[in-house]
Amino acid sequence: MIKRINKPLNLLINYFSVCCVLVVLFSCHTNSNSDRDHLVFRYNEHKNIGSLDPAFAKDNADIWAVNQLFNGLVQMDANLNVKPCIAKSWTISPDGLLYTFNLRTDVLFHTNPAFKSEESRLVKAEDFEFSFNRIIDPKVASPGSWVFQNVEKFSALGTHTFQIKLKTPFPAFLSLLTMKYCSVVPKLIVSNPNIDFRSTPVGTGPFLFKRWEENIKLVFRKNNNYFEKDLNGNTLPYLEAVSITFLPDKQSEFLQFAQGNIDFVSGLDASYKDEILTADGQLNNKYKSTVNMLRAPYLNTEYLAFYMDNEIPEIQSQLIRKAVNHGFDREKMMLYLRNGVGIPADGGFIPKGLPGYNNKIGFKYNPELAKKLVDSFKLSTTNQNPKITLTTTGNYLSFCEFIQREIQKIGLEVSVDVVPAATLKNAKANGKLDLFRASWVADYPDAQNYLSLYYSKNFAPLGPNYTHFSSPTFDSWYENALKETDVYKRELLYSKMDSLVMAKTPIVPLFYDEVVRFTTIKVKGLGINPINLLDLKYVKKEH
């Protein structure tokens, strides 16, 4: 049984009308500027952009745009190593509490009439003190305030020395500082009541803000004063501009890409996956001469979650939870539904690519064992017709239908309930769902970020523990890991915690995602990384 919540017909008619108008507008604009095509990088953002203020850079769409405009103390390279940015070096005290950053002396904010002189545009330590205090200001209400919850104070020590003091040691703190929330912003501009920083931002990044017609087009131009150079000492960025459009669906986006009107498409959508890829995940022959495909592990775990505080016997039963884990073929699911893009979850909740990942703790496909587990549940109860309800959004309906068919073969009835994303988000936070599809994308590249979902003090809705899993042993290991400065010992604790979660089965890992990017053959230097951050400062386009 599948229940759906559908949009009214008139909304769909309006939706497709807007798509058609935008396609015409975009195509006309592109053709009139073909002579400068190699200087402009064009991509579409189908989810729209809510804000260009880094204090609100929560979603990928916002993060990608903000990353072109702003910088922080440090940055992450493609291998998840923390590298200098505005901070050219730093030291950490032996007790792990005091971080002292030495800032570059050549970083300027983008030009703006509010700046009175070149000197007023120079980034100083006091700018970071203002920026970070702004993030934790309740009046600002930044969704990134949690980043600094372990910070005791920020201090500007002179013009180019900035210091952060933590309340307790936290080995992953430098990784946290690479998040876009931690970008530096100019107090003079942000505090100006006549400037809407959300829509007219001023940063230090490789590109500067030029124009934003909301829902239509966003344009950035090259920052000629950008401080970073390439390995040969050449000025960055190479491009003259970035142009972002807002076609609201992935199918229209791919059509524009196939016609050469945009340079880049991210992700694999059901509407075009069979058009561009073969069944085993390779580029179809018709695209091999015009398209490059980039593919790498993505720090994103897709999974099903049981609400452990539920009183329904099937949800409470570890027999049933293990049966679901053993009851479907993850490799077959990925081959048929994702053309082999994505890694079947053979380990725990920590995804492949992060320290702590262990491929020996997962569940293997074993339908015979799964059926025996369901039969054991029937024998131990008076319930001879066990059933569960799985809630999902329309985007993942095909996965849930696949699991539904397989699980019903082992004697467990499954109903699939399809709801809007906002409804699922609210219901899972408030314990209203028995079993639901979810995903967790790393906020920062450390396994602690994943394991925080099973810490008992993080029960939703006040934290990310949506399953309400609780274990004193897990909590003790988790707290020890937060204090452990030895990398190897911390990784062992991570692996032990993940193993414990899998043994108690509050979740069903489905797959570890992969970043997939398609670019036109002209695009060079785009790169790819496990946090799916879009970095355009090294991108070139052939004429």
Protein backbone atom coordinates (compact mmCIF):
# COMPACT_ATOMS: atom_id res chain seq x y z
CA MET A 1 0.00 0.00 0.00
CA ILE A 2 1.39 3.41 -1.00
CA LYS A 3 -0.13 6.70 0.13
CA ARG A 4 0.78 9.87 -1.75
CA ILE A 5 0.25 13.54 -1.11
CA ASN A 6 0.06 15.26 -4.53
CA LYS A 7 0.28 18.92 -5.61
CA PRO A 8 -2.88 20.53 -7.01
CA LEU A 9 -3.08 20.58 -10.80
CA ASN A 10 -3.06 24.37 -11.04
CA LEU A 11 0.26 24.56 -9.15
CA LEU A 12 1.81 22.12 -11.60
CA ILE A 13 0.55 24.17 -14.57
CA ASN A 14 2.08 27.33 -13.10
CA TYR A 15 5.31 25.47 -12.36
CA PHE A 16 5.82 24.28 -15.94
CA SER A 17 4.85 27.71 -17.31
CA VAL A 18 7.61 29.32 -15.25
CA CYS A 19 10.06 26.65 -16.47
CA CYS A 20 9.29 27.44 -20.11
CA VAL A 21 9.64 31.20 -19.65
CA LEU A 22 12.96 30.82 -17.84
CA VAL A 23 14.34 28.49 -20.51
CA VAL A 24 13.54 31.07 -23.21
CA LEU A 25 15.07 33.94 -21.21
CA PHE A 26 18.19 31.96 -20.40
CA SER A 27 18.71 30.74 -23.96
CA CYS A 28 18.40 34.24 -25.43
CA HIS A 29 20.86 35.70 -22.94
CA THR A 30 23.38 32.92 -23.52
CA ASN A 31 23.37 33.27 -27.30
CA SER A 32 23.99 37.04 -27.14
CA ASN A 33 27.15 36.56 -25.08
CA SER A 34 28.76 33.63 -26.88
CA ASP A 35 31.91 35.65 -27.64
CA ARG A 36 32.77 35.80 -23.93
CA ASP A 37 31.62 32.28 -23.15
CA HIS A 38 35.07 31.04 -22.19
CA LEU A 39 35.36 33.68 -19.45
CA VAL A 40 32.06 32.88 -17.68
CA PHE A 41 31.21 29.78 -15.69
CA ARG A 42 27.47 29.06 -15.84
CA TYR A 43 25.49 26.74 -13.62
CA ASN A 44 21.91 26.33 -12.45
CA GLU A 45 20.66 26.20 -8.87
CA HIS A 46 17.30 24.43 -8.91
CA LYS A 47 16.77 24.77 -5.14
CA ASN A 48 17.16 28.55 -5.28
CA ILE A 49 19.31 30.56 -2.87
CA GLY A 50 17.97 31.97 0.38
CA SER A 51 20.80 34.28 1.43
CA LEU A 52 24.31 35.37 0.46
CA ASP A 53 25.15 36.11 4.10
CA PRO A 54 27.54 33.38 5.36
CA ALA A 55 25.82 33.49 8.77
CA PHE A 56 22.92 31.68 7.07
CA ALA A 57 24.86 29.37 4.73
CA LYS A 58 23.11 26.19 5.79
CA ASP A 59 22.05 24.53 2.53
CA ASN A 60 24.30 23.46 -0.35
CA ALA A 61 22.82 26.09 -2.66
CA ASP A 62 23.74 28.91 -0.26
CA ILE A 63 27.11 27.36 0.66
CA TRP A 64 28.19 27.09 -2.99
CA ALA A 65 27.41 30.74 -3.69
CA VAL A 66 28.89 32.01 -0.41
CA ASN A 67 32.09 30.04 -1.03
CA GLN A 68 32.84 32.18 -4.08
CA LEU A 69 32.44 35.43 -2.09
CA PHE A 70 33.94 34.79 1.34
CA ASN A 71 36.97 33.32 3.14
CA GLY A 72 37.70 32.17 6.68
CA LEU A 73 40.77 31.59 8.79
CA VAL A 74 41.33 28.14 7.26
CA GLN A 75 40.02 26.05 4.37
CA MET A 76 39.70 22.40 3.40
CA ASP A 77 41.52 20.87 0.44
CA ALA A 78 40.15 18.07 -1.75
CA ASN A 79 41.66 15.45 0.59
CA LEU A 80 39.96 16.94 3.70
CA ASN A 81 43.18 18.44 5.04
CA VAL A 82 42.90 21.79 6.82
CA LYS A 83 45.00 24.40 5.02
CA PRO A 84 45.82 28.08 5.61
CA CYS A 85 43.58 30.76 4.16
CA ILE A 86 43.41 34.23 5.75
CA ALA A 87 45.36 32.70 8.64
CA LYS A 88 48.82 31.96 7.27
CA SER A 89 49.75 29.87 10.33
CA TRP A 90 48.50 28.86 13.76
CA THR A 91 49.52 27.20 17.01
CA ILE A 92 47.54 25.04 19.45
CA SER A 93 48.41 24.97 23.15
CA PRO A 94 49.47 21.60 24.65
CA ASP A 95 46.16 21.30 26.54
CA GLY A 96 44.22 21.77 23.28
CA LEU A 97 42.29 24.80 24.57
CA LEU A 98 44.03 27.80 23.00
CA TYR A 99 44.23 28.40 19.23
CA THR A 100 46.36 31.34 18.07
CA PHE A 101 46.14 32.42 14.41
CA ASN A 102 48.59 34.66 12.57
CA LEU A 103 46.74 36.52 9.82
CA ARG A 104 47.92 37.56 6.38
CA THR A 105 48.49 41.28 5.95
CA ASP A 106 47.34 41.56 2.32
CA VAL A 107 43.66 40.55 2.45
CA LEU A 108 41.15 43.21 1.40
CA PHE A 109 37.37 43.25 1.54
CA HIS A 110 35.64 43.84 -1.79
CA THR A 111 35.17 47.48 -2.75
CA ASN A 112 32.09 49.28 -1.45
CA PRO A 113 31.25 53.01 -1.18
CA ALA A 114 30.89 52.62 2.60
CA PHE A 115 34.65 52.06 2.92
CA LYS A 116 36.39 55.39 3.42
CA SER A 117 39.89 54.28 2.42
CA GLU A 118 42.00 51.35 1.26
CA GLU A 119 43.15 50.90 4.86
CA SER A 120 39.55 50.45 6.04
CA ARG A 121 39.19 47.50 3.64
CA LEU A 122 42.12 45.59 5.15
CA VAL A 123 41.05 42.48 7.09
CA LYS A 124 42.19 42.63 10.71
CA ALA A 125 41.86 40.38 13.75
CA GLU A 126 39.04 42.55 15.08
CA ASP A 127 37.00 41.65 11.97
CA PHE A 128 37.11 37.99 12.96
CA GLU A 129 36.19 38.87 16.53
CA PHE A 130 33.15 40.77 15.23
CA SER A 131 32.22 38.07 12.71
CA PHE A 132 32.34 35.19 15.19
CA ASN A 133 30.50 37.08 17.93
CA ARG A 134 27.85 37.89 15.35
CA ILE A 135 27.31 34.19 14.67
CA ILE A 136 26.54 33.48 18.35
CA ASP A 137 24.39 36.60 18.80
CA PRO A 138 20.79 35.43 19.53
CA LYS A 139 19.46 38.49 17.70
CA VAL A 140 21.14 37.33 14.48
CA ALA A 141 19.76 33.78 14.97
CA SER A 142 22.38 32.14 12.76
CA PRO A 143 21.84 28.38 12.27
CA GLY A 144 25.63 28.09 12.62
CA SER A 145 25.77 29.26 16.24
CA TRP A 146 26.34 25.66 17.36
CA VAL A 147 29.81 25.76 15.77
CA PHE A 148 31.04 27.93 18.65
CA GLN A 149 29.14 26.29 21.51
CA ASN A 150 32.43 25.01 22.97
CA VAL A 151 34.16 28.40 22.72
CA GLU A 152 34.88 30.41 25.86
CA LYS A 153 35.98 33.62 24.10
CA PHE A 154 37.41 35.20 20.93
CA SER A 155 40.22 37.75 21.21
CA ALA A 156 41.93 40.11 18.76
CA LEU A 157 45.53 40.39 19.95
CA GLY A 158 46.76 43.36 17.97
CA THR A 159 46.08 43.87 14.26
CA HIS A 160 46.97 40.47 12.82
CA THR A 161 46.79 37.96 15.68
CA PHE A 162 43.52 36.27 16.56
CA GLN A 163 42.95 33.86 19.43
CA ILE A 164 40.19 31.40 20.32
CA LYS A 165 39.89 29.78 23.74
CA LEU A 166 37.81 26.59 24.10
CA LYS A 167 35.95 25.40 27.19
CA THR A 168 37.11 21.81 26.65
CA PRO A 169 39.50 20.24 24.11
CA PHE A 170 37.92 19.34 20.78
CA PRO A 171 40.30 17.78 18.22
CA ALA A 172 37.98 18.47 15.26
CA PHE A 173 37.74 22.21 15.97
CA LEU A 174 39.94 23.28 13.04
CA SER A 175 37.65 21.34 10.70
CA LEU A 176 34.70 23.26 12.11
CA LEU A 177 36.40 26.53 11.25
CA THR A 178 36.41 25.60 7.54
CA MET A 179 32.60 25.91 7.47
CA LYS A 180 31.21 28.97 5.66
CA TYR A 181 29.55 30.18 8.87
CA CYS A 182 33.09 31.07 9.98
CA SER A 183 33.73 33.52 7.13
CA VAL A 184 34.97 37.01 7.91
CA VAL A 185 32.57 39.91 7.22
CA PRO A 186 33.15 43.69 7.46
CA LYS A 187 31.56 45.34 10.50
CA LEU A 188 31.32 48.65 8.65
CA ILE A 189 29.06 47.12 5.99
CA VAL A 190 27.08 44.64 8.10
CA SER A 191 26.24 47.31 10.68
CA ASN A 192 25.10 49.83 8.07
CA PRO A 193 21.26 50.07 8.28
CA ASN A 194 21.09 51.13 4.63
CA ILE A 195 22.75 47.92 3.37
CA ASP A 196 20.92 44.58 3.11
CA PHE A 197 23.85 42.21 3.61
CA ARG A 198 21.72 39.20 2.63
CA SER A 199 21.38 40.42 -0.96
CA THR A 200 24.37 42.78 -1.36
CA PRO A 201 27.24 40.97 0.37
CA VAL A 202 30.82 42.16 0.73
CA GLY A 203 33.47 39.51 1.34
CA THR A 204 37.11 38.73 0.54
CA GLY A 205 36.60 35.83 -1.89
CA PRO A 206 37.83 35.20 -5.44
CA PHE A 207 34.61 36.65 -6.86
CA LEU A 208 32.59 39.68 -5.83
CA PHE A 209 28.87 40.30 -5.92
CA LYS A 210 27.52 42.01 -9.05
CA ARG A 211 23.78 41.45 -9.53
CA TRP A 212 20.92 39.31 -8.17
CA GLU A 213 17.50 39.06 -9.79
CA GLU A 214 15.90 36.63 -7.36
CA ASN A 215 14.54 33.47 -8.99
CA ILE A 216 16.05 34.58 -12.32
CA LYS A 217 19.82 35.14 -12.26
CA LEU A 218 22.78 35.79 -9.93
CA VAL A 219 26.08 37.18 -11.24
CA PHE A 220 29.53 37.37 -9.63
CA ARG A 221 32.57 39.11 -11.15
CA LYS A 222 36.28 38.44 -10.73
CA ASN A 223 37.93 39.99 -7.67
CA ASN A 224 41.07 41.55 -9.13
CA ASN A 225 42.50 42.05 -5.64
CA TYR A 226 42.19 38.41 -4.54
CA PHE A 227 45.08 37.39 -2.29
CA GLU A 228 45.59 33.70 -3.19
CA LYS A 229 47.82 32.63 -6.12
CA ASP A 230 48.16 29.35 -7.95
CA LEU A 231 51.25 27.13 -7.61
CA ASN A 232 53.03 29.13 -10.31
CA GLY A 233 52.31 32.45 -8.64
CA ASN A 234 49.56 33.40 -11.11
CA THR A 235 46.61 35.51 -10.02
CA LEU A 236 43.36 33.75 -9.09
CA PRO A 237 40.64 33.31 -10.17
CA TYR A 238 41.08 32.56 -13.88
CA LEU A 239 37.43 33.21 -14.78
CA GLU A 240 35.99 36.69 -15.29
CA ALA A 241 32.51 35.87 -14.00
CA VAL A 242 30.10 33.29 -12.58
CA SER A 243 26.49 33.22 -13.77
CA ILE A 244 23.85 31.27 -11.83
CA THR A 245 20.31 30.65 -13.06
CA PHE A 246 17.33 29.21 -11.19
CA LEU A 247 15.43 26.74 -13.35
CA PRO A 248 13.36 24.95 -10.71
CA ASP A 249 13.69 21.32 -11.78
CA LYS A 250 16.56 18.98 -12.55
CA GLN A 251 15.16 17.81 -15.89
CA SER A 252 15.15 21.36 -17.33
CA GLU A 253 18.62 21.88 -15.85
CA PHE A 254 19.97 18.82 -17.64
CA LEU A 255 18.35 19.92 -20.91
CA GLN A 256 20.20 23.24 -20.67
CA PHE A 257 23.43 21.37 -19.97
CA ALA A 258 22.93 19.02 -22.93
CA GLN A 259 22.34 22.06 -25.18
CA GLY A 260 25.55 23.70 -23.96
CA ASN A 261 23.84 26.57 -22.16
CA ILE A 262 25.31 25.73 -18.77
CA ASP A 263 28.71 24.23 -17.96
CA PHE A 264 28.05 21.98 -15.01
CA VAL A 265 25.47 19.64 -13.48
CA SER A 266 25.84 18.10 -10.03
CA GLY A 267 24.25 14.88 -8.85
CA LEU A 268 22.35 12.09 -10.52
CA ASP A 269 18.61 12.61 -10.90
CA ALA A 270 16.15 9.92 -11.96
CA SER A 271 14.93 12.18 -14.78
CA TYR A 272 18.21 11.90 -16.71
CA LYS A 273 20.33 9.14 -15.17
CA ASP A 274 19.55 6.61 -17.92
CA GLU A 275 20.09 9.25 -20.59
CA ILE A 276 23.65 10.11 -19.58
CA LEU A 277 24.85 6.88 -17.92
CA THR A 278 24.99 3.22 -18.85
CA ALA A 279 23.56 0.63 -16.46
CA ASP A 280 26.97 0.19 -14.82
CA GLY A 281 27.58 3.90 -14.26
CA GLN A 282 29.69 4.84 -17.30
CA LEU A 283 29.07 7.76 -19.65
CA ASN A 284 26.85 6.84 -22.59
CA ASN A 285 28.71 6.91 -25.90
CA LYS A 286 26.79 9.94 -27.22
CA TYR A 287 28.25 12.12 -24.42
CA LYS A 288 31.83 10.86 -24.30
CA SER A 289 33.15 13.50 -26.71
CA THR A 290 31.39 16.47 -25.08
CA VAL A 291 31.11 15.69 -21.35
CA ASN A 292 33.51 14.99 -18.50
CA MET A 293 32.28 12.97 -15.51
CA LEU A 294 33.87 13.40 -12.07
CA ARG A 295 33.04 10.87 -9.39
CA ALA A 296 34.27 10.44 -5.80
CA PRO A 297 33.04 9.30 -2.35
CA TYR A 298 30.67 11.76 -0.67
CA LEU A 299 30.38 12.13 3.11
CA ASN A 300 26.68 11.32 3.06
CA THR A 301 25.03 8.24 4.58
CA GLU A 302 21.55 7.33 3.33
CA TYR A 303 19.60 5.18 5.76
CA LEU A 304 16.30 4.12 7.31
CA ALA A 305 15.74 4.97 10.98
CA PHE A 306 13.54 3.33 13.62
CA TYR A 307 12.07 5.53 16.36
CA MET A 308 13.22 3.60 19.43
CA ASP A 309 10.78 5.22 21.88
CA ASN A 310 7.93 3.77 19.84
CA GLU A 311 5.58 1.34 21.62
CA ILE A 312 4.78 -0.67 18.47
CA PRO A 313 6.07 -4.25 19.05
CA GLU A 314 7.59 -4.57 15.58
CA ILE A 315 9.69 -1.42 16.08
CA GLN A 316 10.73 -2.47 19.57
CA SER A 317 11.77 -5.93 18.39
CA GLN A 318 15.44 -6.34 17.56
CA LEU A 319 14.45 -9.45 15.60
CA ILE A 320 12.41 -7.35 13.18
CA ARG A 321 15.03 -4.60 12.96
CA LYS A 322 17.72 -7.18 12.11
CA ALA A 323 15.41 -8.85 9.61
CA VAL A 324 14.98 -5.58 7.72
CA ASN A 325 18.76 -5.09 7.67
CA HIS A 326 19.32 -8.58 6.21
CA GLY A 327 16.24 -8.60 3.99
CA PHE A 328 17.25 -6.71 0.82
CA ASP A 329 20.18 -6.68 -1.59
CA ARG A 330 21.92 -3.29 -1.39
CA GLU A 331 24.19 -3.97 -4.39
CA LYS A 332 21.21 -4.86 -6.59
CA MET A 333 19.37 -1.75 -5.34
CA MET A 334 22.26 0.55 -6.28
CA LEU A 335 22.75 -1.06 -9.69
CA TYR A 336 19.09 -0.81 -10.72
CA LEU A 337 18.15 2.49 -9.09
CA ARG A 338 21.38 4.51 -9.28
CA ASN A 339 23.21 2.91 -12.23
CA GLY A 340 25.89 1.80 -9.78
CA VAL A 341 26.59 5.33 -8.48
CA GLY A 342 26.92 5.12 -4.71
CA ILE A 343 28.53 2.57 -2.41
CA PRO A 344 26.28 -0.14 -0.91
CA ALA A 345 26.40 0.24 2.88
CA ASP A 346 28.55 -2.69 3.99
CA GLY A 347 29.60 -0.99 7.25
CA GLY A 348 27.93 1.16 9.84
CA PHE A 349 26.76 4.74 9.96
CA ILE A 350 30.23 6.25 9.42
CA PRO A 351 30.63 6.51 5.63
CA LYS A 352 33.50 5.15 3.60
CA GLY A 353 36.26 7.73 3.42
CA LEU A 354 36.18 8.84 7.06
CA PRO A 355 38.48 7.49 9.80
CA GLY A 356 36.45 5.08 11.91
CA TYR A 357 34.66 3.44 8.96
CA ASN A 358 34.59 -0.36 9.30
CA ASN A 359 33.23 -2.60 6.55
CA LYS A 360 33.04 -5.62 8.87
CA ILE A 361 30.20 -4.38 11.09
CA GLY A 362 27.43 -4.10 8.50
CA PHE A 363 24.64 -6.49 7.55
CA LYS A 364 24.92 -8.78 4.54
CA TYR A 365 22.01 -9.75 2.31
CA ASN A 366 20.62 -12.98 3.77
CA PRO A 367 16.91 -13.50 3.00
CA GLU A 368 16.84 -16.94 4.64
CA LEU A 369 18.11 -15.57 7.94
CA ALA A 370 15.79 -12.59 7.64
CA LYS A 371 12.77 -14.89 7.25
CA LYS A 372 13.87 -16.94 10.30
CA LEU A 373 14.10 -13.73 12.34
CA VAL A 374 10.56 -12.74 11.33
CA ASP A 375 9.32 -16.26 12.16
CA SER A 376 11.01 -16.04 15.57
CA PHE A 377 9.15 -12.78 16.20
CA LYS A 378 5.85 -14.47 15.33
CA LEU A 379 6.59 -17.34 17.72
CA SER A 380 7.47 -14.99 20.56
CA THR A 381 4.26 -12.95 20.18
CA THR A 382 0.63 -13.50 19.27
CA ASN A 383 1.13 -11.33 16.19
CA GLN A 384 1.13 -13.57 13.13
CA ASN A 385 0.91 -10.72 10.64
CA PRO A 386 3.67 -8.24 11.54
CA LYS A 387 3.63 -4.94 9.66
CA ILE A 388 5.53 -1.65 9.64
CA THR A 389 5.03 1.73 7.96
CA LEU A 390 7.95 3.34 6.13
CA THR A 391 7.69 7.10 5.54
CA THR A 392 9.61 8.79 2.74
CA THR A 393 9.57 11.68 0.29
CA GLY A 394 8.81 11.32 -3.41
CA ASN A 395 12.49 11.58 -4.37
CA TYR A 396 13.27 8.29 -2.62
CA LEU A 397 10.04 6.45 -3.38
CA SER A 398 11.77 4.05 -5.79
CA PHE A 399 14.23 2.96 -3.06
CA CYS A 400 11.46 2.42 -0.55
CA GLU A 401 9.34 0.48 -3.03
CA PHE A 402 12.33 -1.77 -3.77
CA ILE A 403 12.82 -2.42 -0.03
CA GLN A 404 9.07 -2.92 0.41
CA ARG A 405 8.96 -5.67 -2.23
CA GLU A 406 12.00 -7.46 -0.84
CA ILE A 407 10.97 -7.28 2.81
CA GLN A 408 7.47 -8.57 2.10
CA LYS A 409 9.09 -11.74 0.70
CA ILE A 410 10.37 -12.57 4.20
CA GLY A 411 6.92 -12.31 5.78
CA LEU A 412 6.91 -8.68 6.97
CA GLU A 413 4.23 -6.40 5.55
CA VAL A 414 5.46 -2.90 4.67
CA SER A 415 3.33 0.17 3.90
CA VAL A 416 5.04 3.11 2.24
CA ASP A 417 3.78 6.57 3.15
CA VAL A 418 4.88 9.41 0.82
CA VAL A 419 4.89 12.91 2.33
CA PRO A 420 6.45 16.30 1.48
CA ALA A 421 10.00 16.89 2.70
CA ALA A 422 8.90 19.55 5.21
CA THR A 423 6.32 17.18 6.70
CA LEU A 424 8.86 14.38 7.10
CA LYS A 425 11.41 16.73 8.65
CA ASN A 426 8.96 17.97 11.26
CA ALA A 427 7.52 14.52 12.02
CA LYS A 428 10.89 12.82 12.51
CA ALA A 429 12.05 15.62 14.81
CA ASN A 430 8.99 15.17 16.99
CA GLY A 431 8.89 11.36 17.16
CA LYS A 432 5.79 10.95 14.99
CA LEU A 433 7.15 8.28 12.62
CA ASP A 434 7.77 4.56 13.16
CA LEU A 435 10.35 4.05 10.41
CA PHE A 436 11.57 6.77 8.03
CA ARG A 437 14.11 7.42 5.31
CA ALA A 438 16.82 9.90 6.20
CA SER A 439 20.32 11.02 5.25
CA TRP A 440 23.19 12.65 7.07
CA VAL A 441 25.68 14.82 5.20
CA ALA A 442 28.80 15.76 7.15
CA ASP A 443 28.81 19.26 8.61
CA TYR A 444 32.54 18.79 9.03
CA PRO A 445 34.81 15.84 8.10
CA ASP A 446 35.05 14.01 11.40
CA ALA A 447 33.18 10.84 12.43
CA GLN A 448 32.13 12.53 15.68
CA ASN A 449 29.65 14.50 13.58
CA TYR A 450 27.94 11.24 12.55
CA LEU A 451 28.06 9.61 15.97
CA SER A 452 26.44 12.66 17.58
CA LEU A 453 23.15 11.25 16.22
CA TYR A 454 23.26 8.48 18.84
CA TYR A 455 24.35 10.45 21.91
CA SER A 456 21.48 10.38 24.41
CA LYS A 457 21.86 14.08 25.28
CA ASN A 458 21.09 14.94 21.66
CA PHE A 459 17.50 13.65 21.59
CA ALA A 460 15.42 15.38 18.90
CA PRO A 461 13.92 17.95 18.65
CA LEU A 462 16.71 19.59 20.69
CA GLY A 463 19.44 17.64 18.89
CA PRO A 464 20.03 15.31 15.91
CA ASN A 465 19.29 12.00 17.72
CA TYR A 466 16.10 11.28 15.73
CA THR A 467 16.01 7.59 16.67
CA HIS A 468 16.15 8.33 20.45
CA PHE A 469 18.80 5.62 20.69
CA SER A 470 20.24 5.50 24.20
CA SER A 471 23.19 3.57 25.62
CA PRO A 472 25.28 4.49 28.70
CA THR A 473 28.24 2.65 27.17
CA PHE A 474 27.97 4.61 23.94
CA ASP A 475 27.64 7.91 25.85
CA SER A 476 30.79 7.14 27.86
CA TRP A 477 32.81 6.34 24.73
CA TYR A 478 31.45 9.42 22.97
CA GLU A 479 32.50 11.72 25.81
CA ASN A 480 35.93 10.10 25.98
CA ALA A 481 36.41 10.61 22.23
CA LEU A 482 35.70 14.34 22.58
CA LYS A 483 38.68 14.65 24.92
CA GLU A 484 41.04 12.23 23.13
CA THR A 485 43.85 14.06 21.30
CA ASP A 486 45.58 10.90 20.04
CA VAL A 487 44.24 10.41 16.50
CA TYR A 488 44.61 6.61 16.48
CA LYS A 489 42.89 6.14 19.85
CA ARG A 490 40.06 8.43 18.79
CA GLU A 491 39.51 6.44 15.58
CA LEU A 492 39.30 3.21 17.61
CA LEU A 493 36.64 4.77 19.82
CA TYR A 494 34.71 5.91 16.74
CA SER A 495 34.76 2.38 15.30
CA LYS A 496 33.64 0.86 18.63
CA MET A 497 30.73 3.31 18.87
CA ASP A 498 29.63 2.61 15.31
CA SER A 499 29.82 -1.14 15.96
CA LEU A 500 27.63 -0.76 19.07
CA VAL A 501 25.01 1.18 17.12
CA MET A 502 24.88 -1.51 14.46
CA ALA A 503 24.57 -4.25 17.08
CA LYS A 504 21.51 -2.51 18.57
CA THR A 505 20.04 -1.81 15.09
CA PRO A 506 18.24 1.54 15.45
CA ILE A 507 19.02 2.14 11.76
CA VAL A 508 19.25 0.41 8.38
CA PRO A 509 22.19 1.84 6.39
CA LEU A 510 21.33 1.87 2.68
CA PHE A 511 24.34 3.36 0.90
CA TYR A 512 27.20 5.83 1.15
CA ASP A 513 26.69 8.42 -1.52
CA GLU A 514 29.09 9.55 -4.21
CA VAL A 515 29.62 13.02 -5.61
CA VAL A 516 28.94 12.96 -9.34
CA ARG A 517 29.67 16.00 -11.46
CA PHE A 518 29.18 16.44 -15.18
CA THR A 519 30.95 19.29 -16.99
CA THR A 520 31.28 20.31 -20.60
CA ILE A 521 34.55 19.25 -22.17
CA LYS A 522 35.73 22.91 -22.15
CA VAL A 523 35.81 23.11 -18.34
CA LYS A 524 39.19 22.43 -16.71
CA GLY A 525 40.27 22.45 -13.07
CA LEU A 526 36.89 22.04 -11.40
CA GLY A 527 37.90 19.12 -9.19
CA ILE A 528 35.79 17.18 -6.73
CA ASN A 529 35.79 16.62 -2.97
CA PRO A 530 34.02 14.45 -0.34
CA ILE A 531 32.03 17.39 1.09
CA ASN A 532 30.75 18.41 -2.37
CA LEU A 533 31.94 21.99 -2.02
CA LEU A 534 31.95 24.00 -5.24
CA ASP A 535 35.27 25.83 -5.60
CA LEU A 536 35.61 27.88 -8.79
CA LYS A 537 38.84 29.80 -8.20
CA TYR A 538 40.95 27.24 -10.14
CA VAL A 539 38.45 26.72 -12.98
CA LYS A 540 39.32 27.57 -16.59
CA LYS A 541 37.29 27.27 -19.77
CA GLU A 542 38.85 26.63 -23.15
CA HIS A 543 37.96 29.14 -25.83
